[in-house]
Amino acid sequence: MKLLLMGCLVILFSGMVIGCAQHQSQLKTVSSVELQRYLGKWYEIARLPNRFQNHCIGAVTADYKQLEGGDIQVINRCRDQQGEMDEAKGVARIVDSSTNAKLEVSFVSLLGWRLFWGDYWILGLGSDYDYAVVGMPSRKYLWVLSRQPEITTEKWSVIEKIVQAGGYDPDRLIRTDQ
């Protein structure tokens, strides 16, 4: 009986793992990103809740700058609960050079070695690079970025559709106070 139960659990768990892997692999990025147009300052419009931004209450920005060798400098800033500006510096690298839509980002280094790379996939992008939707295959994180501190209602409607098409729940997004 124990063997039968164990076999059922293994089959069930295997199905869950395969199902999750298939679900994660279906996340689609934009077909192409012109990196030079993507670089520069972005304002966070919304995000899924995450532990590393719990202290941020507003004025959230991301600045991207090309480094020698092809990597990208990332500087994220936000205003904390005491009204101080907090800053996190990291490095991004392109994972899929055929589209430039899949990157990895690291904010942790030890003796010059980058640790803990996280996915940074561009899921949506305005035709004039005025907004971007960024997520990851696990769908644990999502950010909505804009070149301006605010976006129109019409643009937000387009972004919500991109978010939903990516398998995210737009109702879970936290709007950012800029």
N, C-alpha and C. Protein backbone atom coordinates (compact mmCIF):
# COMPACT_ATOMS: atom_id res chain seq x y z
N MET A 1 0.82 -1.19 0.00
CA MET A 1 0.00 0.00 0.00
C MET A 1 0.87 1.26 0.00
N LYS A 2 1.92 1.23 0.84
CA LYS A 2 2.82 2.38 0.89
C LYS A 2 3.48 2.59 -0.47
N LEU A 3 3.85 1.49 -1.12
CA LEU A 3 4.50 1.57 -2.43
C LEU A 3 3.55 2.18 -3.46
N LEU A 4 2.29 1.79 -3.42
CA LEU A 4 1.29 2.33 -4.34
C LEU A 4 1.10 3.83 -4.09
N LEU A 5 0.99 4.21 -2.82
CA LEU A 5 0.83 5.62 -2.47
C LEU A 5 2.05 6.42 -2.91
N MET A 6 3.23 5.86 -2.68
CA MET A 6 4.46 6.54 -3.08
C MET A 6 4.51 6.70 -4.60
N GLY A 7 4.11 5.67 -5.33
CA GLY A 7 4.09 5.75 -6.79
C GLY A 7 3.13 6.82 -7.28
N CYS A 8 1.95 6.90 -6.66
CA CYS A 8 0.98 7.93 -7.03
C CYS A 8 1.52 9.33 -6.77
N LEU A 9 2.19 9.50 -5.63
CA LEU A 9 2.77 10.80 -5.31
C LEU A 9 3.86 11.19 -6.30
N VAL A 10 4.68 10.23 -6.69
CA VAL A 10 5.73 10.50 -7.67
C VAL A 10 5.12 10.92 -9.00
N ILE A 11 4.09 10.20 -9.45
CA ILE A 11 3.43 10.54 -10.71
C ILE A 11 2.79 11.91 -10.62
N LEU A 12 2.10 12.18 -9.51
CA LEU A 12 1.45 13.48 -9.32
C LEU A 12 2.49 14.60 -9.32
N PHE A 13 3.57 14.42 -8.56
CA PHE A 13 4.62 15.43 -8.49
C PHE A 13 5.27 15.63 -9.86
N SER A 14 5.53 14.55 -10.57
CA SER A 14 6.13 14.65 -11.91
C SER A 14 5.23 15.45 -12.84
N GLY A 15 3.93 15.19 -12.78
CA GLY A 15 2.99 15.94 -13.61
C GLY A 15 2.98 17.42 -13.26
N MET A 16 3.09 17.72 -11.96
CA MET A 16 3.11 19.13 -11.55
C MET A 16 4.37 19.81 -12.05
N VAL A 17 5.51 19.15 -11.95
CA VAL A 17 6.77 19.73 -12.42
C VAL A 17 6.72 19.96 -13.92
N ILE A 18 6.26 18.97 -14.67
CA ILE A 18 6.17 19.12 -16.12
C ILE A 18 5.19 20.23 -16.47
N GLY A 19 4.05 20.27 -15.78
CA GLY A 19 3.06 21.32 -16.03
C GLY A 19 3.63 22.70 -15.75
N CYS A 20 4.36 22.84 -14.65
CA CYS A 20 4.97 24.13 -14.32
C CYS A 20 6.00 24.51 -15.35
N ALA A 21 6.82 23.56 -15.77
CA ALA A 21 7.85 23.86 -16.76
C ALA A 21 7.21 24.30 -18.07
N GLN A 22 6.12 23.63 -18.47
CA GLN A 22 5.45 24.02 -19.71
C GLN A 22 4.83 25.39 -19.56
N HIS A 23 4.22 25.67 -18.41
CA HIS A 23 3.59 26.97 -18.18
C HIS A 23 4.64 28.08 -18.23
N GLN A 24 5.78 27.85 -17.58
CA GLN A 24 6.84 28.86 -17.56
C GLN A 24 7.43 29.08 -18.94
N SER A 25 7.55 28.03 -19.73
CA SER A 25 8.18 28.17 -21.04
C SER A 25 7.30 28.93 -22.02
N GLN A 26 6.01 29.10 -21.71
CA GLN A 26 5.10 29.77 -22.62
C GLN A 26 5.18 31.29 -22.53
N LEU A 27 5.90 31.83 -21.58
CA LEU A 27 6.00 33.28 -21.45
C LEU A 27 6.72 33.84 -22.67
N LYS A 28 6.08 34.76 -23.35
CA LYS A 28 6.63 35.31 -24.59
C LYS A 28 7.19 36.70 -24.34
N THR A 29 8.32 36.95 -24.96
CA THR A 29 8.93 38.28 -24.92
C THR A 29 8.59 39.01 -26.21
N VAL A 30 8.98 40.27 -26.26
CA VAL A 30 8.84 41.01 -27.52
C VAL A 30 9.80 40.39 -28.53
N SER A 31 9.55 40.61 -29.80
CA SER A 31 10.36 39.96 -30.84
C SER A 31 11.73 40.60 -31.00
N SER A 32 11.85 41.87 -30.62
CA SER A 32 13.13 42.55 -30.82
C SER A 32 13.22 43.79 -29.94
N VAL A 33 14.41 44.03 -29.39
CA VAL A 33 14.68 45.23 -28.59
C VAL A 33 15.92 45.91 -29.15
N GLU A 34 15.78 47.17 -29.52
CA GLU A 34 16.95 47.97 -29.90
C GLU A 34 17.55 48.50 -28.61
N LEU A 35 18.65 47.90 -28.20
CA LEU A 35 19.23 48.17 -26.89
C LEU A 35 19.52 49.66 -26.68
N GLN A 36 20.06 50.33 -27.68
CA GLN A 36 20.39 51.75 -27.53
C GLN A 36 19.15 52.59 -27.24
N ARG A 37 18.01 52.20 -27.78
CA ARG A 37 16.76 52.92 -27.51
C ARG A 37 16.20 52.57 -26.13
N TYR A 38 16.53 51.38 -25.64
CA TYR A 38 16.01 50.94 -24.34
C TYR A 38 16.79 51.57 -23.18
N LEU A 39 18.05 51.87 -23.40
CA LEU A 39 18.88 52.44 -22.35
C LEU A 39 18.32 53.79 -21.90
N GLY A 40 18.73 54.22 -20.72
CA GLY A 40 18.28 55.52 -20.20
C GLY A 40 17.42 55.35 -18.97
N LYS A 41 16.69 56.41 -18.65
CA LYS A 41 15.89 56.45 -17.42
C LYS A 41 14.46 55.98 -17.66
N TRP A 42 13.99 55.15 -16.73
CA TRP A 42 12.62 54.65 -16.73
C TRP A 42 12.01 54.92 -15.36
N TYR A 43 10.72 55.23 -15.35
CA TYR A 43 9.96 55.40 -14.12
C TYR A 43 9.11 54.15 -13.90
N GLU A 44 9.10 53.67 -12.67
CA GLU A 44 8.23 52.53 -12.35
C GLU A 44 6.80 53.05 -12.20
N ILE A 45 5.90 52.47 -12.97
CA ILE A 45 4.48 52.82 -12.91
C ILE A 45 3.74 51.86 -11.99
N ALA A 46 4.13 50.60 -12.01
CA ALA A 46 3.49 49.58 -11.17
C ALA A 46 4.43 48.38 -11.06
N ARG A 47 4.13 47.52 -10.08
CA ARG A 47 4.92 46.30 -9.89
C ARG A 47 4.08 45.29 -9.12
N LEU A 48 4.49 44.04 -9.23
CA LEU A 48 3.95 43.03 -8.32
C LEU A 48 4.65 43.22 -6.98
N PRO A 49 3.97 42.96 -5.88
CA PRO A 49 4.63 43.09 -4.58
C PRO A 49 5.86 42.19 -4.51
N ASN A 50 6.93 42.71 -3.92
CA ASN A 50 8.14 41.91 -3.73
C ASN A 50 8.86 42.39 -2.48
N ARG A 51 9.59 41.49 -1.84
CA ARG A 51 10.20 41.80 -0.55
C ARG A 51 11.32 42.83 -0.65
N PHE A 52 12.04 42.87 -1.76
CA PHE A 52 13.18 43.78 -1.83
C PHE A 52 12.79 45.21 -2.17
N GLN A 53 11.50 45.47 -2.40
CA GLN A 53 11.04 46.84 -2.60
C GLN A 53 10.01 47.25 -1.56
N ASN A 54 9.86 46.46 -0.50
CA ASN A 54 8.88 46.79 0.54
C ASN A 54 9.12 48.16 1.15
N HIS A 55 10.36 48.59 1.23
CA HIS A 55 10.68 49.88 1.85
C HIS A 55 10.43 51.06 0.91
N CYS A 56 10.20 50.81 -0.36
CA CYS A 56 10.01 51.88 -1.35
C CYS A 56 8.57 52.38 -1.29
N ILE A 57 8.42 53.70 -1.10
CA ILE A 57 7.07 54.27 -1.07
C ILE A 57 6.81 55.16 -2.28
N GLY A 58 7.83 55.44 -3.08
CA GLY A 58 7.61 56.26 -4.27
C GLY A 58 8.90 56.64 -4.95
N ALA A 59 8.75 57.46 -6.00
CA ALA A 59 9.89 57.97 -6.77
C ALA A 59 10.82 56.84 -7.21
N VAL A 60 10.23 55.77 -7.75
CA VAL A 60 11.01 54.59 -8.15
C VAL A 60 11.44 54.74 -9.60
N THR A 61 12.76 54.65 -9.83
CA THR A 61 13.30 54.77 -11.18
C THR A 61 14.34 53.69 -11.42
N ALA A 62 14.61 53.45 -12.69
CA ALA A 62 15.69 52.55 -13.11
C ALA A 62 16.45 53.26 -14.22
N ASP A 63 17.77 53.28 -14.10
CA ASP A 63 18.63 53.87 -15.12
C ASP A 63 19.52 52.78 -15.69
N TYR A 64 19.56 52.69 -17.02
CA TYR A 64 20.36 51.69 -17.71
C TYR A 64 21.38 52.39 -18.59
N LYS A 65 22.64 51.94 -18.47
CA LYS A 65 23.74 52.55 -19.23
C LYS A 65 24.65 51.44 -19.76
N GLN A 66 25.01 51.53 -21.04
CA GLN A 66 25.90 50.53 -21.66
C GLN A 66 27.30 50.64 -21.07
N LEU A 67 27.87 49.51 -20.71
CA LEU A 67 29.24 49.44 -20.21
C LEU A 67 30.14 48.88 -21.30
N GLU A 68 31.44 49.13 -21.16
CA GLU A 68 32.39 48.51 -22.09
C GLU A 68 32.28 47.00 -21.93
N GLY A 69 32.34 46.30 -23.03
CA GLY A 69 32.22 44.84 -22.98
C GLY A 69 30.80 44.35 -23.21
N GLY A 70 29.84 45.27 -23.27
CA GLY A 70 28.48 44.88 -23.61
C GLY A 70 27.50 44.77 -22.45
N ASP A 71 28.00 44.67 -21.22
CA ASP A 71 27.07 44.61 -20.09
C ASP A 71 26.37 45.96 -19.91
N ILE A 72 25.37 45.96 -19.05
CA ILE A 72 24.57 47.16 -18.82
C ILE A 72 24.60 47.49 -17.33
N GLN A 73 24.95 48.72 -17.01
CA GLN A 73 24.89 49.19 -15.63
C GLN A 73 23.42 49.46 -15.29
N VAL A 74 23.01 49.00 -14.11
CA VAL A 74 21.64 49.20 -13.65
C VAL A 74 21.71 49.97 -12.33
N ILE A 75 21.00 51.09 -12.26
CA ILE A 75 20.89 51.83 -11.01
C ILE A 75 19.41 52.03 -10.72
N ASN A 76 18.93 51.35 -9.68
CA ASN A 76 17.54 51.48 -9.25
C ASN A 76 17.49 52.40 -8.04
N ARG A 77 16.54 53.33 -8.06
CA ARG A 77 16.39 54.26 -6.94
C ARG A 77 14.92 54.29 -6.49
N CYS A 78 14.75 54.61 -5.20
CA CYS A 78 13.39 54.82 -4.68
C CYS A 78 13.47 55.67 -3.42
N ARG A 79 12.35 56.28 -3.09
CA ARG A 79 12.23 57.02 -1.84
C ARG A 79 11.70 56.05 -0.78
N ASP A 80 12.38 56.01 0.37
CA ASP A 80 11.96 55.10 1.44
C ASP A 80 11.00 55.80 2.41
N GLN A 81 10.59 55.08 3.44
CA GLN A 81 9.60 55.60 4.38
C GLN A 81 10.09 56.80 5.18
N GLN A 82 11.40 56.99 5.28
CA GLN A 82 11.95 58.15 5.98
C GLN A 82 12.15 59.34 5.04
N GLY A 83 11.78 59.17 3.78
CA GLY A 83 11.94 60.24 2.81
C GLY A 83 13.31 60.29 2.16
N GLU A 84 14.16 59.33 2.49
CA GLU A 84 15.51 59.26 1.92
C GLU A 84 15.48 58.50 0.60
N MET A 85 16.41 58.84 -0.28
CA MET A 85 16.53 58.10 -1.53
C MET A 85 17.45 56.90 -1.32
N ASP A 86 16.98 55.74 -1.69
CA ASP A 86 17.74 54.50 -1.60
C ASP A 86 18.19 54.12 -3.01
N GLU A 87 19.36 53.49 -3.11
CA GLU A 87 19.91 53.16 -4.42
C GLU A 87 20.47 51.75 -4.41
N ALA A 88 20.20 51.02 -5.47
CA ALA A 88 20.77 49.68 -5.65
C ALA A 88 21.45 49.65 -7.01
N LYS A 89 22.72 49.27 -7.03
CA LYS A 89 23.48 49.19 -8.28
C LYS A 89 23.67 47.74 -8.67
N GLY A 90 23.50 47.48 -9.95
CA GLY A 90 23.67 46.14 -10.45
C GLY A 90 24.19 46.13 -11.87
N VAL A 91 24.24 44.94 -12.43
CA VAL A 91 24.71 44.75 -13.80
C VAL A 91 23.73 43.80 -14.49
N ALA A 92 23.42 44.13 -15.74
CA ALA A 92 22.59 43.25 -16.56
C ALA A 92 23.42 42.75 -17.73
N ARG A 93 23.07 41.57 -18.19
CA ARG A 93 23.72 41.02 -19.38
C ARG A 93 22.66 40.38 -20.27
N ILE A 94 22.89 40.48 -21.55
CA ILE A 94 21.94 39.93 -22.52
C ILE A 94 22.12 38.41 -22.58
N VAL A 95 21.01 37.69 -22.52
CA VAL A 95 21.02 36.24 -22.58
C VAL A 95 20.68 35.77 -23.98
N ASP A 96 19.77 36.47 -24.64
CA ASP A 96 19.33 36.11 -25.99
C ASP A 96 19.67 37.25 -26.94
N SER A 97 20.83 37.16 -27.58
CA SER A 97 21.28 38.26 -28.45
C SER A 97 20.52 38.32 -29.77
N SER A 98 19.72 37.31 -30.07
CA SER A 98 18.94 37.37 -31.31
C SER A 98 17.76 38.34 -31.19
N THR A 99 17.30 38.58 -29.95
CA THR A 99 16.19 39.51 -29.73
C THR A 99 16.54 40.65 -28.78
N ASN A 100 17.51 40.46 -27.92
CA ASN A 100 17.86 41.38 -26.83
C ASN A 100 16.72 41.54 -25.83
N ALA A 101 15.74 40.65 -25.86
CA ALA A 101 14.57 40.76 -24.98
C ALA A 101 14.72 39.95 -23.69
N LYS A 102 15.72 39.07 -23.63
CA LYS A 102 15.95 38.28 -22.43
C LYS A 102 17.30 38.65 -21.85
N LEU A 103 17.26 39.16 -20.63
CA LEU A 103 18.46 39.56 -19.93
C LEU A 103 18.48 38.90 -18.55
N GLU A 104 19.62 39.00 -17.90
CA GLU A 104 19.77 38.61 -16.51
C GLU A 104 20.34 39.80 -15.76
N VAL A 105 19.93 39.96 -14.50
CA VAL A 105 20.40 41.08 -13.69
C VAL A 105 20.93 40.54 -12.37
N SER A 106 22.02 41.15 -11.90
CA SER A 106 22.58 40.80 -10.60
C SER A 106 22.86 42.08 -9.81
N PHE A 107 22.43 42.07 -8.55
CA PHE A 107 22.70 43.19 -7.66
C PHE A 107 23.65 42.79 -6.54
N VAL A 108 24.17 41.57 -6.59
CA VAL A 108 25.04 41.05 -5.54
C VAL A 108 26.37 40.65 -6.16
N SER A 109 27.46 41.18 -5.58
CA SER A 109 28.78 40.75 -6.04
C SER A 109 29.65 40.45 -4.83
N LEU A 110 30.58 39.55 -5.03
CA LEU A 110 31.52 39.18 -3.99
C LEU A 110 32.90 39.14 -4.62
N LEU A 111 33.76 40.03 -4.19
CA LEU A 111 35.12 40.12 -4.71
C LEU A 111 35.14 40.25 -6.24
N GLY A 112 34.20 41.03 -6.74
CA GLY A 112 34.13 41.27 -8.18
C GLY A 112 33.36 40.24 -8.98
N TRP A 113 32.94 39.16 -8.33
CA TRP A 113 32.15 38.13 -9.01
C TRP A 113 30.68 38.39 -8.77
N ARG A 114 29.91 38.38 -9.83
CA ARG A 114 28.47 38.59 -9.73
C ARG A 114 27.78 37.29 -9.32
N LEU A 115 26.90 37.41 -8.35
CA LEU A 115 26.17 36.26 -7.83
C LEU A 115 24.67 36.46 -8.03
N PHE A 116 23.92 35.41 -7.98
CA PHE A 116 22.46 35.46 -7.96
C PHE A 116 21.86 36.23 -9.12
N TRP A 117 22.05 35.75 -10.31
CA TRP A 117 21.46 36.37 -11.50
C TRP A 117 19.97 36.06 -11.54
N GLY A 118 19.18 37.08 -11.85
CA GLY A 118 17.74 36.91 -11.99
C GLY A 118 17.29 37.28 -13.39
N ASP A 119 16.27 36.59 -13.88
CA ASP A 119 15.75 36.86 -15.22
C ASP A 119 15.13 38.25 -15.30
N TYR A 120 15.31 38.88 -16.44
CA TYR A 120 14.73 40.19 -16.76
C TYR A 120 14.28 40.08 -18.21
N TRP A 121 13.00 39.75 -18.41
CA TRP A 121 12.48 39.54 -19.75
C TRP A 121 11.56 40.69 -20.12
N ILE A 122 11.74 41.23 -21.29
CA ILE A 122 10.91 42.33 -21.77
C ILE A 122 9.71 41.73 -22.49
N LEU A 123 8.55 41.83 -21.85
CA LEU A 123 7.32 41.19 -22.33
C LEU A 123 6.49 42.11 -23.21
N GLY A 124 6.64 43.39 -23.01
CA GLY A 124 5.90 44.38 -23.78
C GLY A 124 6.73 45.63 -23.91
N LEU A 125 6.58 46.31 -25.04
CA LEU A 125 7.39 47.50 -25.30
C LEU A 125 6.63 48.41 -26.26
N GLY A 126 6.47 49.67 -25.87
CA GLY A 126 5.81 50.62 -26.76
C GLY A 126 6.61 50.80 -28.03
N SER A 127 5.94 51.06 -29.13
CA SER A 127 6.63 51.19 -30.42
C SER A 127 7.65 52.31 -30.42
N ASP A 128 7.42 53.33 -29.60
CA ASP A 128 8.41 54.41 -29.50
C ASP A 128 9.19 54.33 -28.17
N TYR A 129 9.20 53.14 -27.58
CA TYR A 129 9.94 52.87 -26.35
C TYR A 129 9.50 53.80 -25.21
N ASP A 130 8.20 54.08 -25.16
CA ASP A 130 7.68 54.94 -24.11
C ASP A 130 7.21 54.15 -22.88
N TYR A 131 7.01 52.84 -23.02
CA TYR A 131 6.70 51.99 -21.88
C TYR A 131 7.29 50.61 -22.10
N ALA A 132 7.47 49.89 -21.00
CA ALA A 132 7.97 48.51 -21.06
C ALA A 132 7.30 47.71 -19.95
N VAL A 133 7.06 46.44 -20.24
CA VAL A 133 6.56 45.49 -19.25
C VAL A 133 7.65 44.44 -19.10
N VAL A 134 8.14 44.27 -17.87
CA VAL A 134 9.27 43.39 -17.61
C VAL A 134 8.87 42.34 -16.59
N GLY A 135 9.18 41.08 -16.89
CA GLY A 135 8.85 40.00 -15.97
C GLY A 135 9.87 38.89 -16.05
N MET A 136 9.47 37.73 -15.56
CA MET A 136 10.34 36.56 -15.58
C MET A 136 9.50 35.31 -15.75
N PRO A 137 10.11 34.23 -16.25
CA PRO A 137 9.35 33.01 -16.54
C PRO A 137 8.58 32.45 -15.35
N SER A 138 9.07 32.63 -14.14
CA SER A 138 8.36 32.12 -12.96
C SER A 138 7.10 32.93 -12.66
N ARG A 139 7.00 34.09 -13.26
CA ARG A 139 5.88 35.02 -13.05
C ARG A 139 5.80 35.51 -11.60
N LYS A 140 6.90 35.43 -10.89
CA LYS A 140 6.95 35.90 -9.51
C LYS A 140 7.09 37.42 -9.44
N TYR A 141 7.76 38.00 -10.43
CA TYR A 141 8.00 39.44 -10.44
C TYR A 141 7.50 40.04 -11.74
N LEU A 142 7.09 41.30 -11.66
CA LEU A 142 6.66 42.04 -12.85
C LEU A 142 6.78 43.53 -12.55
N TRP A 143 7.25 44.26 -13.55
CA TRP A 143 7.34 45.72 -13.44
C TRP A 143 6.77 46.35 -14.70
N VAL A 144 6.09 47.47 -14.51
CA VAL A 144 5.63 48.30 -15.61
C VAL A 144 6.43 49.59 -15.54
N LEU A 145 7.15 49.88 -16.62
CA LEU A 145 8.03 51.05 -16.67
C LEU A 145 7.57 52.01 -17.74
N SER A 146 7.89 53.29 -17.54
CA SER A 146 7.54 54.32 -18.51
C SER A 146 8.64 55.37 -18.56
N ARG A 147 8.76 56.03 -19.69
CA ARG A 147 9.73 57.11 -19.81
C ARG A 147 9.27 58.36 -19.06
N GLN A 148 7.98 58.43 -18.79
CA GLN A 148 7.39 59.55 -18.04
C GLN A 148 6.88 59.04 -16.69
N PRO A 149 6.80 59.91 -15.68
CA PRO A 149 6.33 59.47 -14.36
C PRO A 149 4.88 58.99 -14.33
N GLU A 150 4.10 59.35 -15.34
CA GLU A 150 2.70 58.94 -15.39
C GLU A 150 2.37 58.48 -16.81
N ILE A 151 1.33 57.66 -16.92
CA ILE A 151 0.88 57.22 -18.24
C ILE A 151 -0.62 57.49 -18.38
N THR A 152 -1.07 57.50 -19.60
CA THR A 152 -2.49 57.74 -19.87
C THR A 152 -3.32 56.50 -19.54
N THR A 153 -4.60 56.71 -19.38
CA THR A 153 -5.53 55.60 -19.14
C THR A 153 -5.53 54.64 -20.32
N GLU A 154 -5.45 55.18 -21.53
CA GLU A 154 -5.43 54.34 -22.73
C GLU A 154 -4.20 53.43 -22.74
N LYS A 155 -3.05 54.01 -22.41
CA LYS A 155 -1.82 53.22 -22.39
C LYS A 155 -1.88 52.16 -21.29
N TRP A 156 -2.45 52.52 -20.15
CA TRP A 156 -2.58 51.55 -19.06
C TRP A 156 -3.45 50.37 -19.49
N SER A 157 -4.48 50.62 -20.26
CA SER A 157 -5.34 49.54 -20.77
C SER A 157 -4.55 48.58 -21.66
N VAL A 158 -3.70 49.12 -22.51
CA VAL A 158 -2.84 48.29 -23.37
C VAL A 158 -1.90 47.46 -22.50
N ILE A 159 -1.31 48.08 -21.51
CA ILE A 159 -0.37 47.39 -20.62
C ILE A 159 -1.07 46.27 -19.85
N GLU A 160 -2.27 46.52 -19.36
CA GLU A 160 -3.02 45.48 -18.65
C GLU A 160 -3.24 44.25 -19.52
N LYS A 161 -3.48 44.46 -20.80
CA LYS A 161 -3.66 43.33 -21.72
C LYS A 161 -2.36 42.55 -21.89
N ILE A 162 -1.24 43.25 -21.96
CA ILE A 162 0.07 42.59 -22.05
C ILE A 162 0.32 41.77 -20.79
N VAL A 163 0.03 42.36 -19.64
CA VAL A 163 0.21 41.68 -18.36
C VAL A 163 -0.64 40.41 -18.31
N GLN A 164 -1.89 40.52 -18.69
CA GLN A 164 -2.79 39.37 -18.69
C GLN A 164 -2.34 38.30 -19.68
N ALA A 165 -1.93 38.71 -20.86
CA ALA A 165 -1.47 37.76 -21.88
C ALA A 165 -0.24 36.99 -21.40
N GLY A 166 0.54 37.60 -20.51
CA GLY A 166 1.72 36.94 -19.96
C GLY A 166 1.40 35.99 -18.81
N GLY A 167 0.13 35.88 -18.46
CA GLY A 167 -0.25 34.97 -17.38
C GLY A 167 -0.19 35.59 -16.00
N TYR A 168 -0.08 36.90 -15.94
CA TYR A 168 -0.07 37.62 -14.67
C TYR A 168 -1.47 38.15 -14.37
N ASP A 169 -1.75 38.41 -13.11
CA ASP A 169 -3.02 39.00 -12.70
C ASP A 169 -2.83 40.51 -12.53
N PRO A 170 -3.39 41.33 -13.42
CA PRO A 170 -3.20 42.78 -13.32
C PRO A 170 -3.75 43.38 -12.03
N ASP A 171 -4.71 42.69 -11.40
CA ASP A 171 -5.28 43.20 -10.14
C ASP A 171 -4.29 43.14 -8.99
N ARG A 172 -3.23 42.36 -9.13
CA ARG A 172 -2.21 42.26 -8.07
C ARG A 172 -1.16 43.37 -8.16
N LEU A 173 -1.17 44.12 -9.25
CA LEU A 173 -0.17 45.18 -9.42
C LEU A 173 -0.37 46.30 -8.41
N ILE A 174 0.73 46.79 -7.89
CA ILE A 174 0.73 47.96 -7.00
C ILE A 174 1.15 49.15 -7.84
N ARG A 175 0.31 50.17 -7.89
CA ARG A 175 0.67 51.39 -8.64
C ARG A 175 1.68 52.18 -7.82
N THR A 176 2.67 52.74 -8.50
CA THR A 176 3.76 53.46 -7.85
C THR A 176 3.46 54.95 -7.80
N ASP A 177 3.69 55.54 -6.63
CA ASP A 177 3.51 56.97 -6.45
C ASP A 177 4.80 57.67 -6.88
N GLN A 178 4.71 58.40 -7.97
CA GLN A 178 5.90 59.12 -8.45
C GLN A 178 5.87 60.55 -7.94
